[in-house]
N, C-alpha and C. Protein backbone atom coordinates (compact mmCIF):
# COMPACT_ATOMS: atom_id res chain seq x y z
N MET A 1 -1.87 -32.53 30.32
CA MET A 1 -2.80 -31.62 29.65
C MET A 1 -2.05 -30.45 29.02
N THR A 2 -0.95 -30.02 29.58
CA THR A 2 -0.24 -28.88 29.00
C THR A 2 0.67 -29.20 27.83
N PRO A 3 1.15 -30.43 27.60
CA PRO A 3 2.05 -30.64 26.47
C PRO A 3 1.45 -30.27 25.12
N LEU A 4 0.18 -30.48 24.91
CA LEU A 4 -0.42 -30.16 23.61
C LEU A 4 -0.39 -28.66 23.32
N PRO A 5 -0.88 -27.78 24.20
CA PRO A 5 -0.80 -26.35 23.88
C PRO A 5 0.63 -25.85 23.74
N ILE A 6 1.53 -26.35 24.59
CA ILE A 6 2.91 -25.89 24.51
C ILE A 6 3.55 -26.42 23.23
N GLY A 7 3.25 -27.65 22.86
CA GLY A 7 3.79 -28.22 21.64
C GLY A 7 3.29 -27.53 20.39
N SER A 8 2.15 -26.89 20.45
CA SER A 8 1.60 -26.21 19.27
C SER A 8 1.97 -24.73 19.22
N GLY A 9 2.88 -24.30 20.09
CA GLY A 9 3.37 -22.92 20.02
C GLY A 9 2.95 -22.01 21.14
N THR A 10 2.09 -22.45 22.02
CA THR A 10 1.67 -21.63 23.15
C THR A 10 2.80 -21.57 24.17
N SER A 11 3.03 -20.40 24.73
CA SER A 11 4.08 -20.27 25.74
C SER A 11 3.68 -20.99 27.03
N ALA A 12 4.68 -21.35 27.82
CA ALA A 12 4.43 -22.05 29.07
C ALA A 12 3.62 -21.17 30.03
N GLY A 13 3.89 -19.87 30.05
CA GLY A 13 3.14 -18.96 30.93
C GLY A 13 1.68 -18.86 30.56
N ALA A 14 1.39 -18.82 29.26
CA ALA A 14 0.00 -18.77 28.80
C ALA A 14 -0.74 -20.06 29.15
N ALA A 15 -0.06 -21.19 28.99
CA ALA A 15 -0.67 -22.47 29.34
C ALA A 15 -0.97 -22.54 30.83
N LEU A 16 -0.04 -22.05 31.66
CA LEU A 16 -0.27 -22.05 33.10
C LEU A 16 -1.45 -21.15 33.46
N ALA A 17 -1.52 -19.96 32.89
CA ALA A 17 -2.63 -19.05 33.17
C ALA A 17 -3.96 -19.67 32.78
N PHE A 18 -3.99 -20.35 31.65
CA PHE A 18 -5.20 -21.02 31.19
C PHE A 18 -5.63 -22.11 32.17
N LEU A 19 -4.68 -22.91 32.63
CA LEU A 19 -4.99 -24.00 33.55
C LEU A 19 -5.42 -23.49 34.93
N VAL A 20 -4.84 -22.39 35.38
CA VAL A 20 -5.20 -21.84 36.69
C VAL A 20 -6.56 -21.15 36.63
N ALA A 21 -6.82 -20.41 35.57
CA ALA A 21 -8.08 -19.67 35.46
C ALA A 21 -9.27 -20.56 35.14
N GLY A 22 -9.02 -21.70 34.54
CA GLY A 22 -10.11 -22.59 34.13
C GLY A 22 -11.08 -22.95 35.24
N PRO A 23 -10.60 -23.46 36.37
CA PRO A 23 -11.53 -23.82 37.45
C PRO A 23 -12.29 -22.64 38.03
N VAL A 24 -11.72 -21.45 37.97
CA VAL A 24 -12.39 -20.27 38.51
C VAL A 24 -13.51 -19.81 37.59
N THR A 25 -13.30 -19.92 36.29
CA THR A 25 -14.25 -19.34 35.34
C THR A 25 -15.22 -20.34 34.72
N THR A 26 -15.25 -21.58 35.20
CA THR A 26 -16.25 -22.52 34.67
C THR A 26 -17.63 -22.13 35.19
N VAL A 27 -18.63 -22.38 34.38
CA VAL A 27 -20.00 -22.03 34.77
C VAL A 27 -20.43 -22.72 36.06
N PRO A 28 -20.20 -24.03 36.24
CA PRO A 28 -20.61 -24.65 37.50
C PRO A 28 -19.94 -24.03 38.73
N ALA A 29 -18.66 -23.69 38.62
CA ALA A 29 -17.97 -23.06 39.75
C ALA A 29 -18.54 -21.68 40.04
N MET A 30 -18.81 -20.92 38.98
CA MET A 30 -19.36 -19.57 39.19
C MET A 30 -20.76 -19.65 39.79
N VAL A 31 -21.57 -20.60 39.35
CA VAL A 31 -22.92 -20.74 39.92
C VAL A 31 -22.85 -21.12 41.39
N ALA A 32 -21.94 -22.03 41.73
CA ALA A 32 -21.81 -22.45 43.13
C ALA A 32 -21.36 -21.30 44.01
N VAL A 33 -20.37 -20.55 43.57
CA VAL A 33 -19.88 -19.42 44.37
C VAL A 33 -20.94 -18.33 44.44
N ARG A 34 -21.63 -18.09 43.34
CA ARG A 34 -22.68 -17.05 43.31
C ARG A 34 -23.81 -17.38 44.29
N ALA A 35 -24.07 -18.67 44.48
CA ALA A 35 -25.11 -19.07 45.43
C ALA A 35 -24.69 -18.79 46.87
N LEU A 36 -23.40 -18.77 47.11
CA LEU A 36 -22.90 -18.55 48.48
C LEU A 36 -22.65 -17.08 48.79
N VAL A 37 -22.22 -16.32 47.80
CA VAL A 37 -21.91 -14.91 48.02
C VAL A 37 -22.66 -14.06 47.01
N LYS A 38 -22.80 -12.81 47.30
CA LYS A 38 -23.57 -11.93 46.43
C LYS A 38 -22.73 -10.74 45.96
N GLY A 39 -23.12 -10.20 44.84
CA GLY A 39 -22.64 -8.94 44.32
C GLY A 39 -21.15 -8.70 44.28
N ARG A 40 -20.73 -7.77 45.12
CA ARG A 40 -19.35 -7.30 45.09
C ARG A 40 -18.34 -8.40 45.42
N LEU A 41 -18.66 -9.26 46.36
CA LEU A 41 -17.75 -10.33 46.73
C LEU A 41 -17.58 -11.33 45.58
N PHE A 42 -18.64 -11.57 44.82
CA PHE A 42 -18.54 -12.44 43.65
C PHE A 42 -17.64 -11.81 42.59
N ALA A 43 -17.76 -10.52 42.39
CA ALA A 43 -16.89 -9.82 41.43
C ALA A 43 -15.44 -9.87 41.89
N ILE A 44 -15.20 -9.75 43.19
CA ILE A 44 -13.84 -9.85 43.72
C ILE A 44 -13.30 -11.26 43.49
N TYR A 45 -14.12 -12.27 43.70
CA TYR A 45 -13.73 -13.67 43.44
C TYR A 45 -13.28 -13.84 42.00
N LEU A 46 -14.09 -13.40 41.06
CA LEU A 46 -13.74 -13.54 39.65
C LEU A 46 -12.51 -12.73 39.30
N GLY A 47 -12.47 -11.49 39.75
CA GLY A 47 -11.32 -10.63 39.46
C GLY A 47 -10.03 -11.18 40.02
N ALA A 48 -10.07 -11.65 41.26
CA ALA A 48 -8.86 -12.20 41.88
C ALA A 48 -8.42 -13.48 41.18
N GLY A 49 -9.36 -14.30 40.79
CA GLY A 49 -9.01 -15.54 40.09
C GLY A 49 -8.39 -15.27 38.73
N ILE A 50 -8.97 -14.37 37.98
CA ILE A 50 -8.47 -14.07 36.65
C ILE A 50 -7.16 -13.29 36.73
N LEU A 51 -7.12 -12.26 37.56
CA LEU A 51 -5.89 -11.47 37.71
C LEU A 51 -4.76 -12.32 38.29
N GLY A 52 -5.08 -13.15 39.26
CA GLY A 52 -4.08 -14.02 39.86
C GLY A 52 -3.50 -15.00 38.85
N SER A 53 -4.34 -15.54 37.99
CA SER A 53 -3.83 -16.48 36.99
C SER A 53 -2.96 -15.78 35.96
N LEU A 54 -3.33 -14.56 35.59
CA LEU A 54 -2.50 -13.80 34.65
C LEU A 54 -1.14 -13.46 35.25
N VAL A 55 -1.14 -13.02 36.50
CA VAL A 55 0.12 -12.70 37.17
C VAL A 55 0.98 -13.95 37.29
N ALA A 56 0.37 -15.06 37.69
CA ALA A 56 1.12 -16.31 37.81
C ALA A 56 1.71 -16.72 36.46
N GLY A 57 0.95 -16.55 35.39
CA GLY A 57 1.44 -16.88 34.05
C GLY A 57 2.61 -16.00 33.64
N TYR A 58 2.51 -14.68 33.89
CA TYR A 58 3.60 -13.78 33.55
C TYR A 58 4.86 -14.09 34.35
N VAL A 59 4.70 -14.30 35.65
CA VAL A 59 5.84 -14.61 36.50
C VAL A 59 6.49 -15.93 36.08
N PHE A 60 5.68 -16.93 35.84
CA PHE A 60 6.19 -18.23 35.40
C PHE A 60 6.95 -18.10 34.09
N GLN A 61 6.40 -17.32 33.17
CA GLN A 61 7.05 -17.13 31.87
C GLN A 61 8.40 -16.44 32.03
N GLU A 62 8.46 -15.45 32.91
CA GLU A 62 9.73 -14.76 33.15
C GLU A 62 10.76 -15.68 33.78
N ILE A 63 10.33 -16.52 34.70
CA ILE A 63 11.26 -17.44 35.37
C ILE A 63 11.76 -18.49 34.37
N MET A 64 10.84 -19.05 33.59
CA MET A 64 11.19 -20.11 32.64
C MET A 64 11.93 -19.59 31.42
N GLY A 65 11.78 -18.30 31.14
CA GLY A 65 12.49 -17.70 30.02
C GLY A 65 11.81 -17.91 28.77
């Protein structure tokens, strides 16, 4: 799944961040988590997933050069 974005000019770190954040930010996943937790904990879930994927992408990009 990643060769196409990387082949078209996307950096490896950006592709990794996209792939990691995807499952967290899909509507079905958000609906399922929202049904289990409320309010602040749901915001923490989204924030941690998005921030974590960005950090992983930056770190991966730095390691890969």
